[in-house]
């Protein structure tokens, strides 16, 4: 809510040009009553605006506008506001969101690419190299080669998912746990862990499987289907192998798989907020372990020195997924929105809105992939040069000096195409 307490905002409607939005309740009116969006971080910096079809809701904030998918009650996209002067308005077809900047130019934001909602669930994951995707479709898992853009088939399983790093094998939690060959969508082993397994993780080479059932964590030889070791009290829904496969992170514990030693990490000493891990990721060199926490923060931990490296604040929504770029210089964080952070400076360098599942970097690190709200696998460029190329392609060439002066008056003219 805006500081000082605002009881309501007015936004245009076809009938009388205004309708009430109760900021303190995060509720917006519909034809049948009020729509509760949940927690909306930050202050509202102007009246919210619905698209003509009611599918999208634009909420302006400090320096950005977030576009909510009303049916999914999630942020579908976030766009920077450059020196905004006056309020937002959707075009008649709902494909463009416009505002008048403080310099007098009309800024148009393309929202046509935001996905339509889907009633299907979106449990999904990507292989470590970002090439292969597995997403839940009903009672099956659909496998996709994202580079070739083709389906590899479906497997009859459902549950928590984990690839090996190259995308050769996929493990699916359940009772029993099953492991599948991705290329042929063929089951290669079935493991009876003695009950319903809720979380699984495959080692980078696919040789070892970790399963969590209640407080019990177990490791398995995938090829032989035999149990390697039981770690009582170490079970956790957040699991991640180190790049060399010698260490397993399970919640706030580090397990040395060679010696069987369990090392608890005191995350509470580094964080004053809630510290229950909800997502984990090792950096490519294995030196840094990122903890996504239920309080919405990300803690970077130095594995060798056993001490925190720094903290990233993303809001109050629990972190769902973490992925380092292949070079380890960027960290993708998926919470209420998907954002990119510079690992060295701990500063946000980009945002791609909100996806239903993901994210994952492409093998060259130039693109970020995720499962959109409509269930499709999508990607967005994160490399500046690639972003400029795609913008130029959509604009059918470079901006003229007149167009540049009108649309980007705060920056000197450059031929970026």
Protein backbone atom coordinates (compact mmCIF):
# COMPACT_ATOMS: atom_id res chain seq x y z
CA UNK A 1 0.00 0.00 0.00
CA UNK A 2 1.20 3.53 -0.68
CA UNK A 3 2.73 5.14 2.42
CA UNK A 4 0.16 7.18 4.30
CA UNK A 5 -2.65 4.73 3.65
CA UNK A 6 -4.80 5.06 0.56
CA UNK A 7 -8.30 3.67 0.89
CA UNK A 8 -8.91 3.26 -2.81
CA UNK A 9 -7.73 4.10 -6.30
CA UNK A 10 -9.84 4.86 -9.36
CA UNK A 11 -9.19 3.26 -12.72
CA UNK A 12 -11.11 3.54 -16.00
CA UNK A 13 -14.11 1.35 -16.74
CA UNK A 14 -16.42 1.29 -19.77
CA UNK A 15 -19.43 2.37 -17.72
CA UNK A 16 -18.32 5.43 -15.82
CA UNK A 17 -14.58 5.75 -16.30
CA UNK A 18 -13.74 4.62 -12.79
CA UNK A 19 -13.82 1.59 -10.52
CA UNK A 20 -12.45 1.07 -7.02
CA UNK A 21 -9.34 -0.93 -6.16
CA UNK A 22 -8.78 -1.51 -2.44
CA UNK A 23 -5.02 -1.40 -2.11
CA UNK A 24 -4.91 -2.39 1.54
CA UNK A 25 -6.73 -5.65 0.80
CA UNK A 26 -4.96 -6.34 -2.52
CA UNK A 27 -8.41 -6.89 -3.97
CA UNK A 28 -9.83 -5.80 -7.30
CA UNK A 29 -13.51 -5.76 -8.32
CA UNK A 30 -14.98 -8.18 -10.82
CA UNK A 31 -18.49 -8.59 -12.15
CA UNK A 32 -19.22 -11.13 -9.42
CA UNK A 33 -17.38 -9.57 -6.49
CA UNK A 34 -13.81 -9.00 -5.37
CA UNK A 35 -10.69 -10.66 -6.73
CA UNK A 36 -7.97 -11.37 -4.18
CA UNK A 37 -4.49 -11.38 -5.70
CA UNK A 38 -2.56 -12.12 -2.52
CA UNK A 39 0.48 -10.19 -1.36
CA UNK A 40 1.51 -7.31 -3.63
CA UNK A 41 5.02 -6.23 -2.69
CA UNK A 42 5.84 -2.53 -2.54
CA UNK A 43 3.76 0.61 -2.85
CA UNK A 44 1.29 1.22 -5.64
CA UNK A 45 2.31 4.32 -7.55
CA UNK A 46 -0.94 4.97 -9.41
CA UNK A 47 -4.30 3.42 -10.29
CA UNK A 48 -4.36 -0.22 -11.43
CA UNK A 49 -5.73 -0.90 -14.90
CA UNK A 50 -7.48 -3.96 -16.35
CA UNK A 51 -7.08 -5.05 -19.96
CA UNK A 52 -10.31 -4.87 -22.03
CA UNK A 53 -10.89 -8.63 -21.73
CA UNK A 54 -10.17 -8.61 -17.98
CA UNK A 55 -7.36 -11.15 -18.39
CA UNK A 56 -4.55 -8.83 -17.29
CA UNK A 57 -4.19 -6.31 -14.47
CA UNK A 58 -1.41 -3.70 -14.57
CA UNK A 59 -0.16 -2.46 -11.19
CA UNK A 60 2.28 0.50 -11.35
CA UNK A 61 4.96 0.65 -8.66
CA UNK A 62 8.19 2.46 -7.97
CA UNK A 63 10.06 2.36 -11.26
CA UNK A 64 8.16 -0.58 -12.73
CA UNK A 65 4.75 -1.88 -13.71
CA UNK A 66 3.81 -5.48 -12.99
CA UNK A 67 1.23 -7.16 -15.18
CA UNK A 68 -0.80 -9.80 -13.36
CA UNK A 69 -2.52 -12.74 -14.98
CA UNK A 70 -5.88 -12.47 -13.20
CA UNK A 71 -6.95 -16.12 -13.55
CA UNK A 72 -3.61 -17.47 -12.30
CA UNK A 73 -3.16 -14.70 -9.67
CA UNK A 74 0.50 -14.47 -10.66
CA UNK A 75 2.77 -11.84 -12.16
CA UNK A 76 3.04 -12.57 -15.91
CA UNK A 77 5.45 -9.77 -16.73
CA UNK A 78 7.28 -6.81 -15.26
CA UNK A 79 8.40 -3.72 -17.18
CA UNK A 80 10.46 -0.68 -16.17
CA UNK A 81 8.72 2.68 -16.05
CA UNK A 82 10.99 5.36 -17.55
CA UNK A 83 10.19 8.77 -16.01
CA UNK A 84 6.42 8.10 -15.93
CA UNK A 85 4.23 11.18 -16.11
CA UNK A 86 0.63 9.94 -16.30
CA UNK A 87 -1.31 6.74 -15.82
CA UNK A 88 -1.41 3.49 -17.73
CA UNK A 89 -3.89 2.48 -20.43
CA UNK A 90 -4.33 -0.68 -22.46
CA UNK A 91 -4.95 -0.49 -26.20
CA UNK A 92 -8.38 -1.57 -27.43
CA UNK A 93 -7.12 -5.03 -28.39
CA UNK A 94 -5.24 -5.46 -25.09
CA UNK A 95 -1.94 -6.16 -26.84
CA UNK A 96 -0.21 -2.93 -25.80
CA UNK A 97 0.12 -1.08 -22.50
CA UNK A 98 0.90 2.63 -22.82
CA UNK A 99 1.79 5.55 -20.57
CA UNK A 100 2.84 9.15 -21.04
CA UNK A 101 6.39 9.81 -19.85
CA UNK A 102 7.48 12.92 -18.00
CA UNK A 103 9.20 14.13 -21.19
CA UNK A 104 5.93 14.08 -23.13
CA UNK A 105 6.52 10.94 -25.19
CA UNK A 106 4.10 8.01 -25.27
CA UNK A 107 5.82 4.77 -24.22
CA UNK A 108 4.28 1.54 -25.53
CA UNK A 109 4.87 -1.81 -23.82
CA UNK A 110 4.20 -4.96 -25.85
CA UNK A 111 2.20 -7.36 -23.65
CA UNK A 112 0.88 -9.51 -26.51
CA UNK A 113 3.38 -12.25 -25.74
CA UNK A 114 2.21 -12.79 -22.17
CA UNK A 115 0.77 -16.31 -21.99
CA UNK A 116 -2.88 -17.13 -21.51
CA UNK A 117 -3.68 -19.13 -18.38
CA UNK A 118 -4.04 -22.89 -18.42
CA UNK A 119 -6.03 -25.10 -16.07
CA UNK A 120 -3.30 -27.77 -16.13
CA UNK A 121 -0.66 -28.17 -13.44
CA UNK A 122 2.87 -27.05 -14.18
CA UNK A 123 5.25 -29.34 -12.31
CA UNK A 124 8.32 -29.12 -14.51
CA UNK A 125 12.09 -29.12 -14.55
CA UNK A 126 14.99 -28.76 -16.97
CA UNK A 127 18.19 -30.72 -17.44
CA UNK A 128 21.35 -29.13 -16.08
CA UNK A 129 22.41 -28.01 -19.56
CA UNK A 130 18.97 -26.48 -20.19
CA UNK A 131 18.31 -28.53 -23.30
CA UNK A 132 15.65 -30.97 -22.11
CA UNK A 133 12.42 -30.18 -20.29
CA UNK A 134 10.03 -32.45 -18.43
CA UNK A 135 6.59 -31.17 -17.50
CA UNK A 136 3.58 -32.80 -15.90
CA UNK A 137 0.57 -33.18 -18.20
CA UNK A 138 -2.29 -34.88 -16.35
CA UNK A 139 -1.00 -38.25 -15.14
CA UNK A 140 1.96 -38.24 -17.52
CA UNK A 141 5.27 -36.44 -17.99
CA UNK A 142 5.94 -34.85 -21.38
CA UNK A 143 9.59 -34.75 -22.49
CA UNK A 144 10.78 -31.97 -24.80
CA UNK A 145 14.00 -31.21 -26.63
CA UNK A 146 13.97 -27.41 -26.33
CA UNK A 147 16.77 -26.91 -28.88
CA UNK A 148 15.15 -29.02 -31.59
CA UNK A 149 11.71 -27.79 -30.53
CA UNK A 150 10.15 -31.25 -30.58
CA UNK A 151 8.45 -33.62 -28.17
CA UNK A 152 10.32 -36.79 -27.20
CA UNK A 153 7.15 -38.48 -25.99
CA UNK A 154 5.37 -39.01 -22.70
CA UNK A 155 5.99 -41.32 -19.78
CA UNK A 156 3.37 -42.75 -17.44
CA UNK A 157 4.51 -41.19 -14.18
CA UNK A 158 3.93 -38.12 -12.00
CA UNK A 159 5.82 -36.56 -9.12
CA UNK A 160 8.91 -34.53 -8.25
CA UNK A 161 11.36 -34.54 -11.16
CA UNK A 162 15.15 -34.56 -11.51
CA UNK A 163 17.43 -34.84 -14.56
CA UNK A 164 21.09 -35.71 -14.65
CA UNK A 165 23.17 -32.79 -15.95
CA UNK A 166 23.19 -33.90 -19.58
CA UNK A 167 19.51 -34.81 -19.74
CA UNK A 168 20.14 -38.51 -20.43
CA UNK A 169 18.12 -39.77 -17.45
CA UNK A 170 15.06 -38.48 -15.57
CA UNK A 171 14.00 -39.57 -12.08
CA UNK A 172 10.37 -39.30 -10.98
CA UNK A 173 9.39 -39.43 -7.29
CA UNK A 174 6.55 -41.60 -6.04
CA UNK A 175 5.95 -45.14 -4.85
CA UNK A 176 7.94 -46.62 -6.46
CA UNK A 177 10.54 -44.14 -7.72
CA UNK A 178 11.18 -44.61 -11.44
CA UNK A 179 14.14 -43.63 -13.61
CA UNK A 180 13.68 -43.09 -17.34
CA UNK A 181 15.85 -42.83 -20.42
CA UNK A 182 14.91 -39.49 -21.95
CA UNK A 183 15.77 -40.16 -25.59
CA UNK A 184 13.41 -43.13 -25.87
CA UNK A 185 11.02 -42.31 -23.01
CA UNK A 186 11.89 -45.79 -21.68
CA UNK A 187 11.92 -46.89 -18.03
CA UNK A 188 15.34 -48.18 -16.99
CA UNK A 189 14.79 -48.91 -13.30
CA UNK A 190 12.20 -48.92 -10.54
CA UNK A 191 13.16 -48.41 -6.89
CA UNK A 192 11.00 -49.41 -3.93
CA UNK A 193 11.99 -47.08 -1.08
CA UNK A 194 9.39 -48.49 1.30
CA UNK A 195 6.85 -45.69 0.93
CA UNK A 196 5.92 -42.58 -0.98
CA UNK A 197 9.02 -40.56 -1.90
CA UNK A 198 8.29 -36.83 -2.20
CA UNK A 199 11.66 -35.52 -3.45
CA UNK A 200 14.40 -36.93 -5.68
CA UNK A 201 17.75 -35.79 -7.07
CA UNK A 202 20.00 -37.41 -9.67
CA UNK A 203 23.76 -36.96 -9.50
CA UNK A 204 25.34 -35.08 -12.43
CA UNK A 205 26.47 -38.33 -14.12
CA UNK A 206 23.16 -40.09 -13.40
CA UNK A 207 24.85 -42.86 -11.43
CA UNK A 208 23.45 -42.00 -8.00
CA UNK A 209 19.90 -41.21 -6.93
CA UNK A 210 18.95 -39.44 -3.70
CA UNK A 211 15.43 -39.91 -2.30
CA UNK A 212 13.70 -38.14 0.60
CA UNK A 213 10.89 -39.86 2.46
CA UNK A 214 9.87 -38.04 5.63
CA UNK A 215 13.01 -37.49 7.70
CA UNK A 216 14.84 -40.30 5.93
CA UNK A 217 17.26 -39.65 3.09
CA UNK A 218 18.66 -42.55 1.05
CA UNK A 219 21.13 -42.87 -1.80
CA UNK A 220 20.82 -45.52 -4.52
CA UNK A 221 22.91 -47.04 -7.27
CA UNK A 222 20.79 -46.28 -10.34
CA UNK A 223 22.18 -49.00 -12.61
CA UNK A 224 21.86 -51.80 -10.04
CA UNK A 225 18.78 -50.40 -8.27
CA UNK A 226 20.33 -51.07 -4.84
CA UNK A 227 20.44 -48.90 -1.74
CA UNK A 228 23.86 -47.38 -0.99
CA UNK A 229 23.27 -45.67 2.36
CA UNK A 230 20.53 -44.45 4.71
CA UNK A 231 20.81 -41.03 6.40
CA UNK A 232 18.25 -40.86 9.19
CA UNK A 233 17.11 -37.35 10.09
CA UNK A 234 18.53 -35.80 6.91
CA UNK A 235 15.44 -36.04 4.71
CA UNK A 236 14.38 -32.77 3.08
CA UNK A 237 12.35 -31.64 0.08
CA UNK A 238 15.19 -29.39 -1.11
CA UNK A 239 18.00 -31.53 -2.61
CA UNK A 240 21.01 -30.75 -4.82
CA UNK A 241 24.21 -32.55 -5.84
CA UNK A 242 27.53 -30.74 -6.16
CA UNK A 243 28.94 -30.63 -9.73
CA UNK A 244 31.42 -33.45 -9.01
CA UNK A 245 28.72 -35.58 -7.34
CA UNK A 246 30.68 -36.00 -4.10
CA UNK A 247 28.44 -33.81 -1.92
CA UNK A 248 24.69 -33.72 -1.49
CA UNK A 249 22.92 -30.70 -0.03
CA UNK A 250 19.70 -31.64 1.77
CA UNK A 251 18.02 -28.62 3.28
CA UNK A 252 20.55 -27.04 5.64
CA UNK A 253 22.77 -30.16 5.73
CA UNK A 254 25.79 -31.08 3.62
CA UNK A 255 26.36 -34.82 3.13
CA UNK A 256 29.80 -36.10 2.16
CA UNK A 257 28.85 -39.13 0.08
CA UNK A 258 32.37 -40.60 0.29
CA UNK A 259 32.56 -40.65 4.10
CA UNK A 260 28.88 -40.49 5.03
CA UNK A 261 29.50 -37.47 7.23
CA UNK A 262 26.64 -34.99 7.72
CA UNK A 263 27.55 -31.33 8.32
CA UNK A 264 24.70 -29.09 9.54
CA UNK A 265 24.97 -25.46 8.40
CA UNK A 266 23.89 -22.70 10.76
CA UNK A 267 21.87 -20.59 8.34
CA UNK A 268 20.10 -18.78 11.18
CA UNK A 269 23.38 -17.16 12.21
CA UNK A 270 23.58 -15.48 8.80
CA UNK A 271 19.90 -14.62 8.46
CA UNK A 272 17.52 -12.85 10.81
CA UNK A 273 14.48 -13.84 8.70
CA UNK A 274 12.98 -17.30 8.12
CA UNK A 275 15.66 -19.78 7.09
CA UNK A 276 13.89 -22.94 5.93
CA UNK A 277 15.44 -23.85 2.54
CA UNK A 278 12.93 -24.22 -0.30
CA UNK A 279 15.41 -24.44 -3.19
CA UNK A 280 19.12 -25.24 -3.61
CA UNK A 281 21.73 -24.82 -6.35
CA UNK A 282 25.49 -25.27 -6.55
CA UNK A 283 27.61 -22.96 -8.70
CA UNK A 284 29.37 -24.67 -11.65
CA UNK A 285 32.71 -24.69 -9.77
CA UNK A 286 31.06 -26.13 -6.65
CA UNK A 287 32.43 -23.39 -4.39
CA UNK A 288 29.12 -21.62 -3.79
CA UNK A 289 25.80 -23.08 -2.65
CA UNK A 290 22.70 -20.92 -3.06
CA UNK A 291 19.88 -21.42 -0.55
CA UNK A 292 16.42 -20.19 -1.51
CA UNK A 293 14.56 -19.52 1.71
CA UNK A 294 10.88 -19.55 2.63
CA UNK A 295 11.10 -15.89 3.61
CA UNK A 296 11.89 -14.90 0.01
CA UNK A 297 15.64 -14.35 0.42
CA UNK A 298 18.57 -16.16 -1.17
CA UNK A 299 21.66 -16.91 0.88
CA UNK A 300 24.95 -17.57 -0.93
CA UNK A 301 27.20 -19.90 1.08
CA UNK A 302 30.93 -20.50 0.61
CA UNK A 303 31.16 -24.31 0.67
CA UNK A 304 34.89 -24.48 1.39
CA UNK A 305 35.04 -21.76 4.05
CA UNK A 306 31.70 -22.79 5.59
CA UNK A 307 30.52 -19.19 5.81
CA UNK A 308 27.99 -16.92 4.08
CA UNK A 309 29.06 -14.87 1.06
CA UNK A 310 26.05 -12.59 0.94
CA UNK A 311 22.27 -12.36 0.78
CA UNK A 312 19.84 -11.41 -1.98
CA UNK A 313 16.37 -10.07 -1.19
CA UNK A 314 13.63 -10.88 -3.72
CA UNK A 315 10.50 -10.10 -1.68
CA UNK A 316 8.49 -12.18 0.75
CA UNK A 317 7.37 -15.04 -1.52
CA UNK A 318 9.24 -18.34 -0.95
CA UNK A 319 11.88 -19.11 -3.57
CA UNK A 320 10.78 -21.94 -5.90
CA UNK A 321 13.86 -22.48 -8.06
CA UNK A 322 17.50 -21.41 -8.43
CA UNK A 323 19.85 -21.79 -11.40
CA UNK A 324 23.41 -20.58 -11.96
CA UNK A 325 24.52 -19.64 -15.45
CA UNK A 326 27.12 -21.93 -17.09
CA UNK A 327 29.89 -19.45 -16.22
CA UNK A 328 28.55 -19.00 -12.69
CA UNK A 329 28.37 -15.21 -13.02
CA UNK A 330 24.57 -15.00 -12.99
CA UNK A 331 21.93 -16.51 -10.74
CA UNK A 332 18.33 -16.94 -11.88
CA UNK A 333 15.83 -16.80 -9.01
CA UNK A 334 12.23 -17.91 -9.45
CA UNK A 335 9.83 -16.68 -6.76
CA UNK A 336 6.84 -14.38 -7.36
CA UNK A 337 8.83 -13.33 -10.44
CA UNK A 338 11.90 -14.62 -12.23
CA UNK A 339 14.89 -12.32 -11.79
CA UNK A 340 18.59 -12.34 -12.74
CA UNK A 341 21.35 -11.37 -10.32
CA UNK A 342 25.06 -10.69 -10.65
CA UNK A 343 26.72 -13.19 -8.31
CA UNK A 344 29.78 -11.03 -7.62
CA UNK A 345 27.98 -7.75 -6.84
CA UNK A 346 24.68 -9.28 -5.63
CA UNK A 347 22.81 -6.75 -7.76
CA UNK A 348 19.74 -7.42 -9.90
CA UNK A 349 20.56 -7.16 -13.60
CA UNK A 350 17.33 -8.32 -15.24
CA UNK A 351 13.83 -9.67 -14.92
CA UNK A 352 11.69 -11.90 -17.11
CA UNK A 353 8.34 -11.64 -15.34
CA UNK A 354 6.87 -14.82 -13.92
CA UNK A 355 6.85 -18.40 -15.17
CA UNK A 356 4.95 -21.40 -13.91
CA UNK A 357 8.16 -23.47 -13.68
CA UNK A 358 11.83 -23.18 -14.48
CA UNK A 359 14.14 -21.41 -15.06
CA UNK A 360 17.17 -22.89 -16.85
CA UNK A 361 19.99 -21.37 -18.86
CA UNK A 362 20.79 -22.54 -22.37
CA UNK A 363 24.13 -24.29 -22.84
CA UNK A 364 25.79 -21.09 -24.06
CA UNK A 365 24.25 -19.04 -21.23
CA UNK A 366 22.69 -16.52 -23.63
CA UNK A 367 19.06 -17.52 -23.07
CA UNK A 368 16.86 -18.36 -20.12
CA UNK A 369 14.12 -20.97 -20.50
CA UNK A 370 11.02 -21.66 -18.47
CA UNK A 371 7.53 -23.13 -18.61
CA UNK A 372 5.00 -20.35 -19.19
CA UNK A 373 1.58 -20.10 -17.56
CA UNK A 374 -0.01 -21.71 -20.62
CA UNK A 375 2.24 -24.77 -20.23
CA UNK A 376 4.51 -24.03 -23.20
CA UNK A 377 8.30 -23.96 -22.96
CA UNK A 378 9.52 -20.44 -23.68
CA UNK A 379 12.86 -18.67 -23.69
CA UNK A 380 14.05 -15.11 -23.38
CA UNK A 381 17.46 -13.64 -24.23
CA UNK A 382 19.68 -12.60 -21.32
CA UNK A 383 22.74 -11.71 -23.38
CA UNK A 384 22.62 -7.95 -24.20
CA UNK A 385 23.80 -8.43 -27.79
CA UNK A 386 21.20 -11.12 -28.42
CA UNK A 387 18.50 -8.94 -26.86
CA UNK A 388 19.42 -6.07 -29.19
CA UNK A 389 19.24 -8.41 -32.20
CA UNK A 390 15.74 -9.59 -31.28
CA UNK A 391 14.51 -6.04 -30.64
CA UNK A 392 15.86 -4.92 -34.02
CA UNK A 393 14.19 -7.89 -35.73
CA UNK A 394 10.82 -7.06 -34.17
CA UNK A 395 11.20 -3.38 -35.06
CA UNK A 396 12.19 -4.33 -38.63
CA UNK A 397 15.41 -2.34 -38.41
CA UNK A 398 16.97 0.44 -36.31
CA UNK A 399 15.08 3.43 -34.94
CA UNK A 400 15.49 6.68 -36.82
CA UNK A 401 16.95 9.64 -34.95
CA UNK A 402 13.48 11.16 -34.73
CA UNK A 403 11.97 7.94 -33.31
CA UNK A 404 14.86 7.59 -30.87
CA UNK A 405 14.46 11.18 -29.67
CA UNK A 406 10.74 10.67 -29.15
CA UNK A 407 10.90 7.25 -27.47
CA UNK A 408 14.26 7.36 -25.64
CA UNK A 409 14.96 11.05 -25.04
CA UNK A 410 17.10 10.43 -21.97
CA UNK A 411 19.81 8.64 -23.99
CA UNK A 412 21.91 9.75 -26.94
CA UNK A 413 21.22 8.16 -30.33
CA UNK A 414 22.91 4.85 -31.13
CA UNK A 415 22.52 2.47 -34.05
CA UNK A 416 22.17 -0.73 -32.05
CA UNK A 417 21.15 -2.78 -35.08
